[in-house]
Amino acid sequence: MLLIPLAAVPSQTLAVTLSDQPARIALRTLGTSLYFSLSVNDVPIVTNRICRNRQRLLIDAGYREFVGDFSFVDLQGDTDPAFSGLASRYQLVYFGAGE
């Protein structure tokens, strides 16, 4: 398990290497909801998946050959992530293969 560092801003894009995969994570706020997109080697894996507390973000995208999955965790309760609490209340976690 690995914590992905985030900032408390409405939209952000991060380039990270996860399990030897060059990944680009994009988070953006639309209305009151936070959305997650992921690409590897500029190939979209998932686009604009709504973020929910403790819900796996790629559970049904395994056929796209990405190793691992992501989930947001609310450290102070049981609410869905909002940009204002990123990096403090809401943490984005990466789970490698078999985690």
PDB file of N, CA and C in Angstrom:
ATOM      1  N   MET A   1       0.848  -1.170   0.000  1.00  0.00           N
ATOM      2  CA  MET A   1       0.000   0.000   0.000  1.00  0.00           C
ATOM      3  C   MET A   1       0.895   1.235   0.000  1.00  0.00           C
ATOM      4  N   LEU A   2       0.503   2.225  -0.801  1.00  0.00           N
ATOM      5  CA  LEU A   2       1.281   3.438  -0.948  1.00  0.00           C
ATOM      6  C   LEU A   2       0.343   4.633  -0.953  1.00  0.00           C
ATOM      7  N   LEU A   3       0.672   5.661  -0.174  1.00  0.00           N
ATOM      8  CA  LEU A   3      -0.108   6.893  -0.183  1.00  0.00           C
ATOM      9  C   LEU A   3       0.352   7.760  -1.344  1.00  0.00           C
ATOM     10  N   ILE A   4      -0.606   8.269  -2.118  1.00  0.00           N
ATOM     11  CA  ILE A   4      -0.307   9.158  -3.225  1.00  0.00           C
ATOM     12  C   ILE A   4      -0.419  10.588  -2.698  1.00  0.00           C
ATOM     13  N   PRO A   5       0.639  11.391  -2.788  1.00  0.00           N
ATOM     14  CA  PRO A   5       0.595  12.754  -2.254  1.00  0.00           C
ATOM     15  C   PRO A   5      -0.317  13.656  -3.093  1.00  0.00           C
ATOM     16  N   LEU A   6      -1.224  14.337  -2.428  1.00  0.00           N
ATOM     17  CA  LEU A   6      -2.181  15.220  -3.090  1.00  0.00           C
ATOM     18  C   LEU A   6      -2.146  16.603  -2.463  1.00  0.00           C
ATOM     19  N   ALA A   7      -2.693  17.567  -3.181  1.00  0.00           N
ATOM     20  CA  ALA A   7      -2.855  18.927  -2.678  1.00  0.00           C
ATOM     21  C   ALA A   7      -4.349  19.225  -2.569  1.00  0.00           C
ATOM     22  N   ALA A   8      -4.700  20.140  -1.690  1.00  0.00           N
ATOM     23  CA  ALA A   8      -6.108  20.508  -1.485  1.00  0.00           C
ATOM     24  C   ALA A   8      -6.517  21.575  -2.499  1.00  0.00           C
ATOM     25  N   VAL A   9      -6.563  21.161  -3.765  1.00  0.00           N
ATOM     26  CA  VAL A   9      -6.976  22.038  -4.861  1.00  0.00           C
ATOM     27  C   VAL A   9      -8.049  21.315  -5.679  1.00  0.00           C
ATOM     28  N   PRO A  10      -8.922  22.069  -6.387  1.00  0.00           N
ATOM     29  CA  PRO A  10     -10.040  21.438  -7.105  1.00  0.00           C
ATOM     30  C   PRO A  10      -9.624  20.491  -8.226  1.00  0.00           C
ATOM     31  N   SER A  11      -8.502  20.779  -8.894  1.00  0.00           N
ATOM     32  CA  SER A  11      -8.032  19.933 -10.002  1.00  0.00           C
ATOM     33  C   SER A  11      -6.520  19.799  -9.920  1.00  0.00           C
ATOM     34  N   GLN A  12      -6.039  18.595 -10.197  1.00  0.00           N
ATOM     35  CA  GLN A  12      -4.599  18.360 -10.197  1.00  0.00           C
ATOM     36  C   GLN A  12      -4.267  17.138 -11.029  1.00  0.00           C
ATOM     37  N   THR A  13      -3.036  17.121 -11.535  1.00  0.00           N
ATOM     38  CA  THR A  13      -2.531  15.986 -12.305  1.00  0.00           C
ATOM     39  C   THR A  13      -1.169  15.614 -11.749  1.00  0.00           C
ATOM     40  N   LEU A  14      -0.954  14.310 -11.545  1.00  0.00           N
ATOM     41  CA  LEU A  14       0.302  13.824 -10.985  1.00  0.00           C
ATOM     42  C   LEU A  14       0.884  12.760 -11.897  1.00  0.00           C
ATOM     43  N   ALA A  15       2.188  12.769 -12.040  1.00  0.00           N
ATOM     44  CA  ALA A  15       2.895  11.709 -12.747  1.00  0.00           C
ATOM     45  C   ALA A  15       3.625  10.884 -11.698  1.00  0.00           C
ATOM     46  N   VAL A  16       3.318   9.593 -11.647  1.00  0.00           N
ATOM     47  CA  VAL A  16       3.928   8.694 -10.668  1.00  0.00           C
ATOM     48  C   VAL A  16       4.258   7.365 -11.348  1.00  0.00           C
ATOM     49  N   THR A  17       5.227   6.665 -10.785  1.00  0.00           N
ATOM     50  CA  THR A  17       5.522   5.310 -11.238  1.00  0.00           C
ATOM     51  C   THR A  17       5.051   4.352 -10.161  1.00  0.00           C
ATOM     52  N   LEU A  18       4.168   3.440 -10.547  1.00  0.00           N
ATOM     53  CA  LEU A  18       3.563   2.490  -9.615  1.00  0.00           C
ATOM     54  C   LEU A  18       3.751   1.079 -10.164  1.00  0.00           C
ATOM     55  N   SER A  19       4.419   0.235  -9.422  1.00  0.00           N
ATOM     56  CA  SER A  19       4.718  -1.127  -9.873  1.00  0.00           C
ATOM     57  C   SER A  19       5.333  -1.109 -11.271  1.00  0.00           C
ATOM     58  N   ASP A  20       6.321  -0.244 -11.462  1.00  0.00           N
ATOM     59  CA  ASP A  20       7.031  -0.085 -12.733  1.00  0.00           C
ATOM     60  C   ASP A  20       6.139   0.375 -13.885  1.00  0.00           C
ATOM     61  N   GLN A  21       5.030   1.011 -13.574  1.00  0.00           N
ATOM     62  CA  GLN A  21       4.114   1.530 -14.582  1.00  0.00           C
ATOM     63  C   GLN A  21       4.120   3.061 -14.530  1.00  0.00           C
ATOM     64  N   PRO A  22       4.490   3.733 -15.611  1.00  0.00           N
ATOM     65  CA  PRO A  22       4.453   5.197 -15.626  1.00  0.00           C
ATOM     66  C   PRO A  22       3.006   5.674 -15.749  1.00  0.00           C
ATOM     67  N   ALA A  23       2.480   6.176 -14.647  1.00  0.00           N
ATOM     68  CA  ALA A  23       1.061   6.521 -14.583  1.00  0.00           C
ATOM     69  C   ALA A  23       0.852   8.026 -14.461  1.00  0.00           C
ATOM     70  N   ARG A  24      -0.263   8.482 -14.993  1.00  0.00           N
ATOM     71  CA  ARG A  24      -0.696   9.867 -14.826  1.00  0.00           C
ATOM     72  C   ARG A  24      -2.088   9.827 -14.197  1.00  0.00           C
ATOM     73  N   ILE A  25      -2.187  10.432 -13.016  1.00  0.00           N
ATOM     74  CA  ILE A  25      -3.443  10.504 -12.272  1.00  0.00           C
ATOM     75  C   ILE A  25      -3.975  11.921 -12.381  1.00  0.00           C
ATOM     76  N   ALA A  26      -5.232  12.054 -12.743  1.00  0.00           N
ATOM     77  CA  ALA A  26      -5.877  13.357 -12.788  1.00  0.00           C
ATOM     78  C   ALA A  26      -7.094  13.331 -11.867  1.00  0.00           C
ATOM     79  N   LEU A  27      -7.189  14.342 -11.024  1.00  0.00           N
ATOM     80  CA  LEU A  27      -8.353  14.508 -10.152  1.00  0.00           C
ATOM     81  C   LEU A  27      -8.982  15.846 -10.494  1.00  0.00           C
ATOM     82  N   ARG A  28     -10.301  15.856 -10.584  1.00  0.00           N
ATOM     83  CA  ARG A  28     -10.973  17.126 -10.817  1.00  0.00           C
ATOM     84  C   ARG A  28     -12.319  17.139 -10.118  1.00  0.00           C
ATOM     85  N   THR A  29     -12.719  18.333  -9.749  1.00  0.00           N
ATOM     86  CA  THR A  29     -13.981  18.533  -9.056  1.00  0.00           C
ATOM     87  C   THR A  29     -15.013  19.047 -10.047  1.00  0.00           C
ATOM     88  N   LEU A  30     -16.148  18.368 -10.061  1.00  0.00           N
ATOM     89  CA  LEU A  30     -17.304  18.801 -10.844  1.00  0.00           C
ATOM     90  C   LEU A  30     -18.480  18.887  -9.878  1.00  0.00           C
ATOM     91  N   GLY A  31     -19.019  20.066  -9.699  1.00  0.00           N
ATOM     92  CA  GLY A  31     -20.072  20.242  -8.700  1.00  0.00           C
ATOM     93  C   GLY A  31     -19.494  19.982  -7.328  1.00  0.00           C
ATOM     94  N   THR A  32     -20.083  19.048  -6.605  1.00  0.00           N
ATOM     95  CA  THR A  32     -19.590  18.709  -5.272  1.00  0.00           C
ATOM     96  C   THR A  32     -18.826  17.385  -5.249  1.00  0.00           C
ATOM     97  N   SER A  33     -18.639  16.765  -6.410  1.00  0.00           N
ATOM     98  CA  SER A  33     -17.999  15.448  -6.466  1.00  0.00           C
ATOM     99  C   SER A  33     -16.590  15.534  -7.037  1.00  0.00           C
ATOM    100  N   LEU A  34     -15.752  14.603  -6.607  1.00  0.00           N
ATOM    101  CA  LEU A  34     -14.387  14.473  -7.080  1.00  0.00           C
ATOM    102  C   LEU A  34     -14.334  13.307  -8.066  1.00  0.00           C
ATOM    103  N   TYR A  35     -13.596  13.491  -9.169  1.00  0.00           N
ATOM    104  CA  TYR A  35     -13.493  12.473 -10.207  1.00  0.00           C
ATOM    105  C   TYR A  35     -12.031  12.114 -10.454  1.00  0.00           C
ATOM    106  N   PHE A  36     -11.799  10.837 -10.758  1.00  0.00           N
ATOM    107  CA  PHE A  36     -10.473  10.248 -10.918  1.00  0.00           C
ATOM    108  C   PHE A  36     -10.305   9.743 -12.344  1.00  0.00           C
ATOM    109  N   SER A  37      -9.164  10.075 -12.938  1.00  0.00           N
ATOM    110  CA  SER A  37      -8.791   9.514 -14.239  1.00  0.00           C
ATOM    111  C   SER A  37      -7.368   8.984 -14.139  1.00  0.00           C
ATOM    112  N   LEU A  38      -7.094   7.921 -14.883  1.00  0.00           N
ATOM    113  CA  LEU A  38      -5.774   7.295 -14.871  1.00  0.00           C
ATOM    114  C   LEU A  38      -5.386   6.909 -16.281  1.00  0.00           C
ATOM    115  N   SER A  39      -4.139   7.218 -16.643  1.00  0.00           N
ATOM    116  CA  SER A  39      -3.588   6.730 -17.901  1.00  0.00           C
ATOM    117  C   SER A  39      -2.191   6.177 -17.634  1.00  0.00           C
ATOM    118  N   VAL A  40      -1.797   5.210 -18.444  1.00  0.00           N
ATOM    119  CA  VAL A  40      -0.468   4.614 -18.365  1.00  0.00           C
ATOM    120  C   VAL A  40       0.119   4.648 -19.765  1.00  0.00           C
ATOM    121  N   ASN A  41       1.313   5.215 -19.890  1.00  0.00           N
ATOM    122  CA  ASN A  41       1.935   5.396 -21.211  1.00  0.00           C
ATOM    123  C   ASN A  41       0.979   6.124 -22.157  1.00  0.00           C
ATOM    124  N   ASP A  42       0.276   7.114 -21.630  1.00  0.00           N
ATOM    125  CA  ASP A  42      -0.693   7.922 -22.388  1.00  0.00           C
ATOM    126  C   ASP A  42      -1.888   7.132 -22.910  1.00  0.00           C
ATOM    127  N   VAL A  43      -2.116   5.942 -22.379  1.00  0.00           N
ATOM    128  CA  VAL A  43      -3.291   5.143 -22.738  1.00  0.00           C
ATOM    129  C   VAL A  43      -4.278   5.229 -21.574  1.00  0.00           C
ATOM    130  N   PRO A  44      -5.494   5.726 -21.821  1.00  0.00           N
ATOM    131  CA  PRO A  44      -6.474   5.831 -20.730  1.00  0.00           C
ATOM    132  C   PRO A  44      -6.851   4.462 -20.162  1.00  0.00           C
ATOM    133  N   ILE A  45      -6.823   4.359 -18.851  1.00  0.00           N
ATOM    134  CA  ILE A  45      -7.267   3.151 -18.153  1.00  0.00           C
ATOM    135  C   ILE A  45      -8.696   3.346 -17.655  1.00  0.00           C
ATOM    136  N   VAL A  46      -8.930   4.494 -17.034  1.00  0.00           N
ATOM    137  CA  VAL A  46     -10.270   4.870 -16.580  1.00  0.00           C
ATOM    138  C   VAL A  46     -10.361   6.390 -16.668  1.00  0.00           C
ATOM    139  N   THR A  47     -11.532   6.882 -17.046  1.00  0.00           N
ATOM    140  CA  THR A  47     -11.725   8.321 -17.218  1.00  0.00           C
ATOM    141  C   THR A  47     -12.942   8.779 -16.426  1.00  0.00           C
ATOM    142  N   ASN A  48     -12.727   9.775 -15.581  1.00  0.00           N
ATOM    143  CA  ASN A  48     -13.796  10.418 -14.814  1.00  0.00           C
ATOM    144  C   ASN A  48     -14.636   9.453 -13.979  1.00  0.00           C
ATOM    145  N   ARG A  49     -13.948   8.624 -13.206  1.00  0.00           N
ATOM    146  CA  ARG A  49     -14.631   7.736 -12.258  1.00  0.00           C
ATOM    147  C   ARG A  49     -14.921   8.536 -10.997  1.00  0.00           C
ATOM    148  N   ILE A  50     -16.174   8.536 -10.558  1.00  0.00           N
ATOM    149  CA  ILE A  50     -16.526   9.278  -9.346  1.00  0.00           C
ATOM    150  C   ILE A  50     -15.847   8.637  -8.145  1.00  0.00           C
ATOM    151  N   CYS A  51     -15.350   9.451  -7.243  1.00  0.00           N
ATOM    152  CA  CYS A  51     -14.621   8.977  -6.069  1.00  0.00           C
ATOM    153  C   CYS A  51     -15.581   8.838  -4.889  1.00  0.00           C
ATOM    154  N   ARG A  52     -15.582   7.678  -4.287  1.00  0.00           N
ATOM    155  CA  ARG A  52     -16.380   7.387  -3.106  1.00  0.00           C
ATOM    156  C   ARG A  52     -15.451   6.867  -2.011  1.00  0.00           C
ATOM    157  N   ASN A  53     -15.831   7.080  -0.774  1.00  0.00           N
ATOM    158  CA  ASN A  53     -15.014   6.617   0.342  1.00  0.00           C
ATOM    159  C   ASN A  53     -14.886   5.098   0.331  1.00  0.00           C
ATOM    160  N   ARG A  54     -13.648   4.626   0.386  1.00  0.00           N
ATOM    161  CA  ARG A  54     -13.300   3.206   0.482  1.00  0.00           C
ATOM    162  C   ARG A  54     -13.827   2.344  -0.662  1.00  0.00           C
ATOM    163  N   GLN A  55     -14.076   2.952  -1.799  1.00  0.00           N
ATOM    164  CA  GLN A  55     -14.509   2.201  -2.972  1.00  0.00           C
ATOM    165  C   GLN A  55     -13.333   2.076  -3.932  1.00  0.00           C
ATOM    166  N   ARG A  56     -13.076   0.861  -4.384  1.00  0.00           N
ATOM    167  CA  ARG A  56     -11.990   0.642  -5.344  1.00  0.00           C
ATOM    168  C   ARG A  56     -12.329   1.354  -6.648  1.00  0.00           C
ATOM    169  N   LEU A  57     -11.345   2.028  -7.217  1.00  0.00           N
ATOM    170  CA  LEU A  57     -11.580   2.832  -8.406  1.00  0.00           C
ATOM    171  C   LEU A  57     -11.398   2.065  -9.712  1.00  0.00           C
ATOM    172  N   LEU A  58     -10.657   0.959  -9.682  1.00  0.00           N
ATOM    173  CA  LEU A  58     -10.390   0.211 -10.913  1.00  0.00           C
ATOM    174  C   LEU A  58     -10.920  -1.211 -10.872  1.00  0.00           C
ATOM    175  N   ILE A  59     -11.734  -1.541  -9.931  1.00  0.00           N
ATOM    176  CA  ILE A  59     -12.145  -2.933  -9.717  1.00  0.00           C
ATOM    177  C   ILE A  59     -12.666  -3.594 -10.995  1.00  0.00           C
ATOM    178  N   ASP A  60     -13.311  -2.837 -11.866  1.00  0.00           N
ATOM    179  CA  ASP A  60     -13.835  -3.431 -13.094  1.00  0.00           C
ATOM    180  C   ASP A  60     -12.993  -3.095 -14.318  1.00  0.00           C
ATOM    181  N   ALA A  61     -11.791  -2.533 -14.116  1.00  0.00           N
ATOM    182  CA  ALA A  61     -10.933  -2.162 -15.244  1.00  0.00           C
ATOM    183  C   ALA A  61      -9.713  -3.068 -15.356  1.00  0.00           C
ATOM    184  N   GLY A  62      -9.702  -4.208 -14.673  1.00  0.00           N
ATOM    185  CA  GLY A  62      -8.558  -5.102 -14.675  1.00  0.00           C
ATOM    186  C   GLY A  62      -8.177  -5.626 -16.044  1.00  0.00           C
ATOM    187  N   TYR A  63      -9.117  -5.695 -16.940  1.00  0.00           N
ATOM    188  CA  TYR A  63      -8.828  -6.188 -18.276  1.00  0.00           C
ATOM    189  C   TYR A  63      -7.901  -5.252 -19.047  1.00  0.00           C
ATOM    190  N   ARG A  64      -7.699  -4.041 -18.544  1.00  0.00           N
ATOM    191  CA  ARG A  64      -6.846  -3.073 -19.242  1.00  0.00           C
ATOM    192  C   ARG A  64      -5.384  -3.211 -18.834  1.00  0.00           C
ATOM    193  N   GLU A  65      -5.063  -4.250 -18.117  1.00  0.00           N
ATOM    194  CA  GLU A  65      -3.686  -4.635 -17.806  1.00  0.00           C
ATOM    195  C   GLU A  65      -2.938  -3.683 -16.888  1.00  0.00           C
ATOM    196  N   PHE A  66      -3.633  -2.891 -16.080  1.00  0.00           N
ATOM    197  CA  PHE A  66      -2.965  -2.089 -15.067  1.00  0.00           C
ATOM    198  C   PHE A  66      -2.822  -2.948 -13.820  1.00  0.00           C
ATOM    199  N   VAL A  67      -1.639  -2.947 -13.221  1.00  0.00           N
ATOM    200  CA  VAL A  67      -1.386  -3.721 -12.014  1.00  0.00           C
ATOM    201  C   VAL A  67      -1.707  -2.851 -10.807  1.00  0.00           C
ATOM    202  N   GLY A  68      -2.694  -3.275 -10.021  1.00  0.00           N
ATOM    203  CA  GLY A  68      -3.044  -2.564  -8.801  1.00  0.00           C
ATOM    204  C   GLY A  68      -4.388  -1.870  -8.879  1.00  0.00           C
ATOM    205  N   ASP A  69      -4.684  -1.116  -7.824  1.00  0.00           N
ATOM    206  CA  ASP A  69      -5.960  -0.402  -7.719  1.00  0.00           C
ATOM    207  C   ASP A  69      -5.780   0.775  -6.771  1.00  0.00           C
ATOM    208  N   PHE A  70      -6.785   1.630  -6.693  1.00  0.00           N
ATOM    209  CA  PHE A  70      -6.765   2.820  -5.861  1.00  0.00           C
ATOM    210  C   PHE A  70      -8.044   2.907  -5.052  1.00  0.00           C
ATOM    211  N   SER A  71      -7.955   3.622  -3.936  1.00  0.00           N
ATOM    212  CA  SER A  71      -9.137   3.914  -3.134  1.00  0.00           C
ATOM    213  C   SER A  71      -8.873   5.174  -2.324  1.00  0.00           C
ATOM    214  N   PHE A  72      -9.921   5.952  -2.104  1.00  0.00           N
ATOM    215  CA  PHE A  72      -9.842   7.074  -1.170  1.00  0.00           C
ATOM    216  C   PHE A  72     -10.277   6.586   0.197  1.00  0.00           C
ATOM    217  N   VAL A  73      -9.634   7.115   1.237  1.00  0.00           N
ATOM    218  CA  VAL A  73      -9.955   6.756   2.609  1.00  0.00           C
ATOM    219  C   VAL A  73     -10.206   8.037   3.397  1.00  0.00           C
ATOM    220  N   ASP A  74     -11.358   8.107   4.043  1.00  0.00           N
ATOM    221  CA  ASP A  74     -11.689   9.225   4.924  1.00  0.00           C
ATOM    222  C   ASP A  74     -11.120   8.904   6.301  1.00  0.00           C
ATOM    223  N   LEU A  75     -10.166   9.695   6.758  1.00  0.00           N
ATOM    224  CA  LEU A  75      -9.500   9.444   8.037  1.00  0.00           C
ATOM    225  C   LEU A  75     -10.293   9.954   9.237  1.00  0.00           C
ATOM    226  N   GLN A  76     -11.380  10.679   8.985  1.00  0.00           N
ATOM    227  CA  GLN A  76     -12.129  11.283  10.087  1.00  0.00           C
ATOM    228  C   GLN A  76     -13.588  10.866  10.127  1.00  0.00           C
ATOM    229  N   GLY A  77     -13.998   9.962   9.268  1.00  0.00           N
ATOM    230  CA  GLY A  77     -15.400   9.560   9.257  1.00  0.00           C
ATOM    231  C   GLY A  77     -15.702   8.674   8.078  1.00  0.00           C
ATOM    232  N   ASP A  78     -16.867   8.872   7.490  1.00  0.00           N
ATOM    233  CA  ASP A  78     -17.305   8.032   6.372  1.00  0.00           C
ATOM    234  C   ASP A  78     -18.007   8.886   5.323  1.00  0.00           C
ATOM    235  N   THR A  79     -17.284   9.860   4.774  1.00  0.00           N
ATOM    236  CA  THR A  79     -17.849  10.686   3.716  1.00  0.00           C
ATOM    237  C   THR A  79     -16.989  10.552   2.462  1.00  0.00           C
ATOM    238  N   ASP A  80     -17.579  10.879   1.339  1.00  0.00           N
ATOM    239  CA  ASP A  80     -16.857  10.841   0.072  1.00  0.00           C
ATOM    240  C   ASP A  80     -15.859  11.991   0.020  1.00  0.00           C
ATOM    241  N   PRO A  81     -14.749  11.804  -0.688  1.00  0.00           N
ATOM    242  CA  PRO A  81     -13.707  12.833  -0.700  1.00  0.00           C
ATOM    243  C   PRO A  81     -14.153  14.129  -1.383  1.00  0.00           C
ATOM    244  N   ALA A  82     -13.659  15.222  -0.840  1.00  0.00           N
ATOM    245  CA  ALA A  82     -13.846  16.556  -1.407  1.00  0.00           C
ATOM    246  C   ALA A  82     -12.469  17.199  -1.486  1.00  0.00           C
ATOM    247  N   PHE A  83     -12.246  18.026  -2.490  1.00  0.00           N
ATOM    248  CA  PHE A  83     -10.907  18.568  -2.714  1.00  0.00           C
ATOM    249  C   PHE A  83     -10.369  19.321  -1.509  1.00  0.00           C
ATOM    250  N   SER A  84     -11.237  19.977  -0.746  1.00  0.00           N
ATOM    251  CA  SER A  84     -10.766  20.785   0.388  1.00  0.00           C
ATOM    252  C   SER A  84     -10.103  19.945   1.478  1.00  0.00           C
ATOM    253  N   GLY A  85     -10.380  18.638   1.512  1.00  0.00           N
ATOM    254  CA  GLY A  85      -9.780  17.771   2.517  1.00  0.00           C
ATOM    255  C   GLY A  85      -8.684  16.861   1.990  1.00  0.00           C
ATOM    256  N   LEU A  86      -8.319  17.023   0.719  1.00  0.00           N
ATOM    257  CA  LEU A  86      -7.243  16.194   0.172  1.00  0.00           C
ATOM    258  C   LEU A  86      -5.945  16.502   0.895  1.00  0.00           C
ATOM    259  N   ALA A  87      -5.166  15.482   1.116  1.00  0.00           N
ATOM    260  CA  ALA A  87      -3.871  15.570   1.796  1.00  0.00           C
ATOM    261  C   ALA A  87      -4.009  15.684   3.305  1.00  0.00           C
ATOM    262  N   SER A  88      -5.207  15.822   3.816  1.00  0.00           N
ATOM    263  CA  SER A  88      -5.391  15.842   5.270  1.00  0.00           C
ATOM    264  C   SER A  88      -6.450  14.801   5.643  1.00  0.00           C
ATOM    265  N   ARG A  89      -7.689  15.106   5.433  1.00  0.00           N
ATOM    266  CA  ARG A  89      -8.769  14.185   5.798  1.00  0.00           C
ATOM    267  C   ARG A  89      -8.866  12.999   4.831  1.00  0.00           C
ATOM    268  N   TYR A  90      -8.744  13.266   3.532  1.00  0.00           N
ATOM    269  CA  TYR A  90      -8.919  12.221   2.515  1.00  0.00           C
ATOM    270  C   TYR A  90      -7.573  11.845   1.919  1.00  0.00           C
ATOM    271  N   GLN A  91      -7.244  10.567   1.966  1.00  0.00           N
ATOM    272  CA  GLN A  91      -5.987  10.056   1.424  1.00  0.00           C
ATOM    273  C   GLN A  91      -6.284   9.151   0.231  1.00  0.00           C
ATOM    274  N   LEU A  92      -5.486   9.303  -0.829  1.00  0.00           N
ATOM    275  CA  LEU A  92      -5.566   8.394  -1.970  1.00  0.00           C
ATOM    276  C   LEU A  92      -4.520   7.308  -1.767  1.00  0.00           C
ATOM    277  N   VAL A  93      -4.973   6.062  -1.790  1.00  0.00           N
ATOM    278  CA  VAL A  93      -4.110   4.922  -1.527  1.00  0.00           C
ATOM    279  C   VAL A  93      -4.007   4.074  -2.795  1.00  0.00           C
ATOM    280  N   TYR A  94      -2.794   3.643  -3.115  1.00  0.00           N
ATOM    281  CA  TYR A  94      -2.551   2.703  -4.189  1.00  0.00           C
ATOM    282  C   TYR A  94      -2.280   1.337  -3.576  1.00  0.00           C
ATOM    283  N   PHE A  95      -2.946   0.310  -4.114  1.00  0.00           N
ATOM    284  CA  PHE A  95      -2.740  -1.069  -3.691  1.00  0.00           C
ATOM    285  C   PHE A  95      -2.048  -1.804  -4.830  1.00  0.00           C
ATOM    286  N   GLY A  96      -0.886  -2.368  -4.565  1.00  0.00           N
ATOM    287  CA  GLY A  96      -0.186  -3.146  -5.563  1.00  0.00           C
ATOM    288  C   GLY A  96      -0.843  -4.506  -5.760  1.00  0.00           C
ATOM    289  N   ALA A  97      -0.288  -5.307  -6.623  1.00  0.00           N
ATOM    290  CA  ALA A  97      -0.829  -6.642  -6.896  1.00  0.00           C
ATOM    291  C   ALA A  97      -0.880  -7.462  -5.607  1.00  0.00           C
ATOM    292  N   GLY A  98      -1.992  -8.090  -5.366  1.00  0.00           N
ATOM    293  CA  GLY A  98      -2.155  -8.962  -4.209  1.00  0.00           C
ATOM    294  C   GLY A  98      -2.459  -8.275  -2.902  1.00  0.00           C
ATOM    295  N   GLU A  99      -2.614  -6.965  -2.903  1.00  0.00           N
ATOM    296  CA  GLU A  99      -2.924  -6.248  -1.648  1.00  0.00           C
ATOM    297  C   GLU A  99      -4.416  -6.065  -1.505  1.00  0.00           C
TER     298      GLU A  99
END
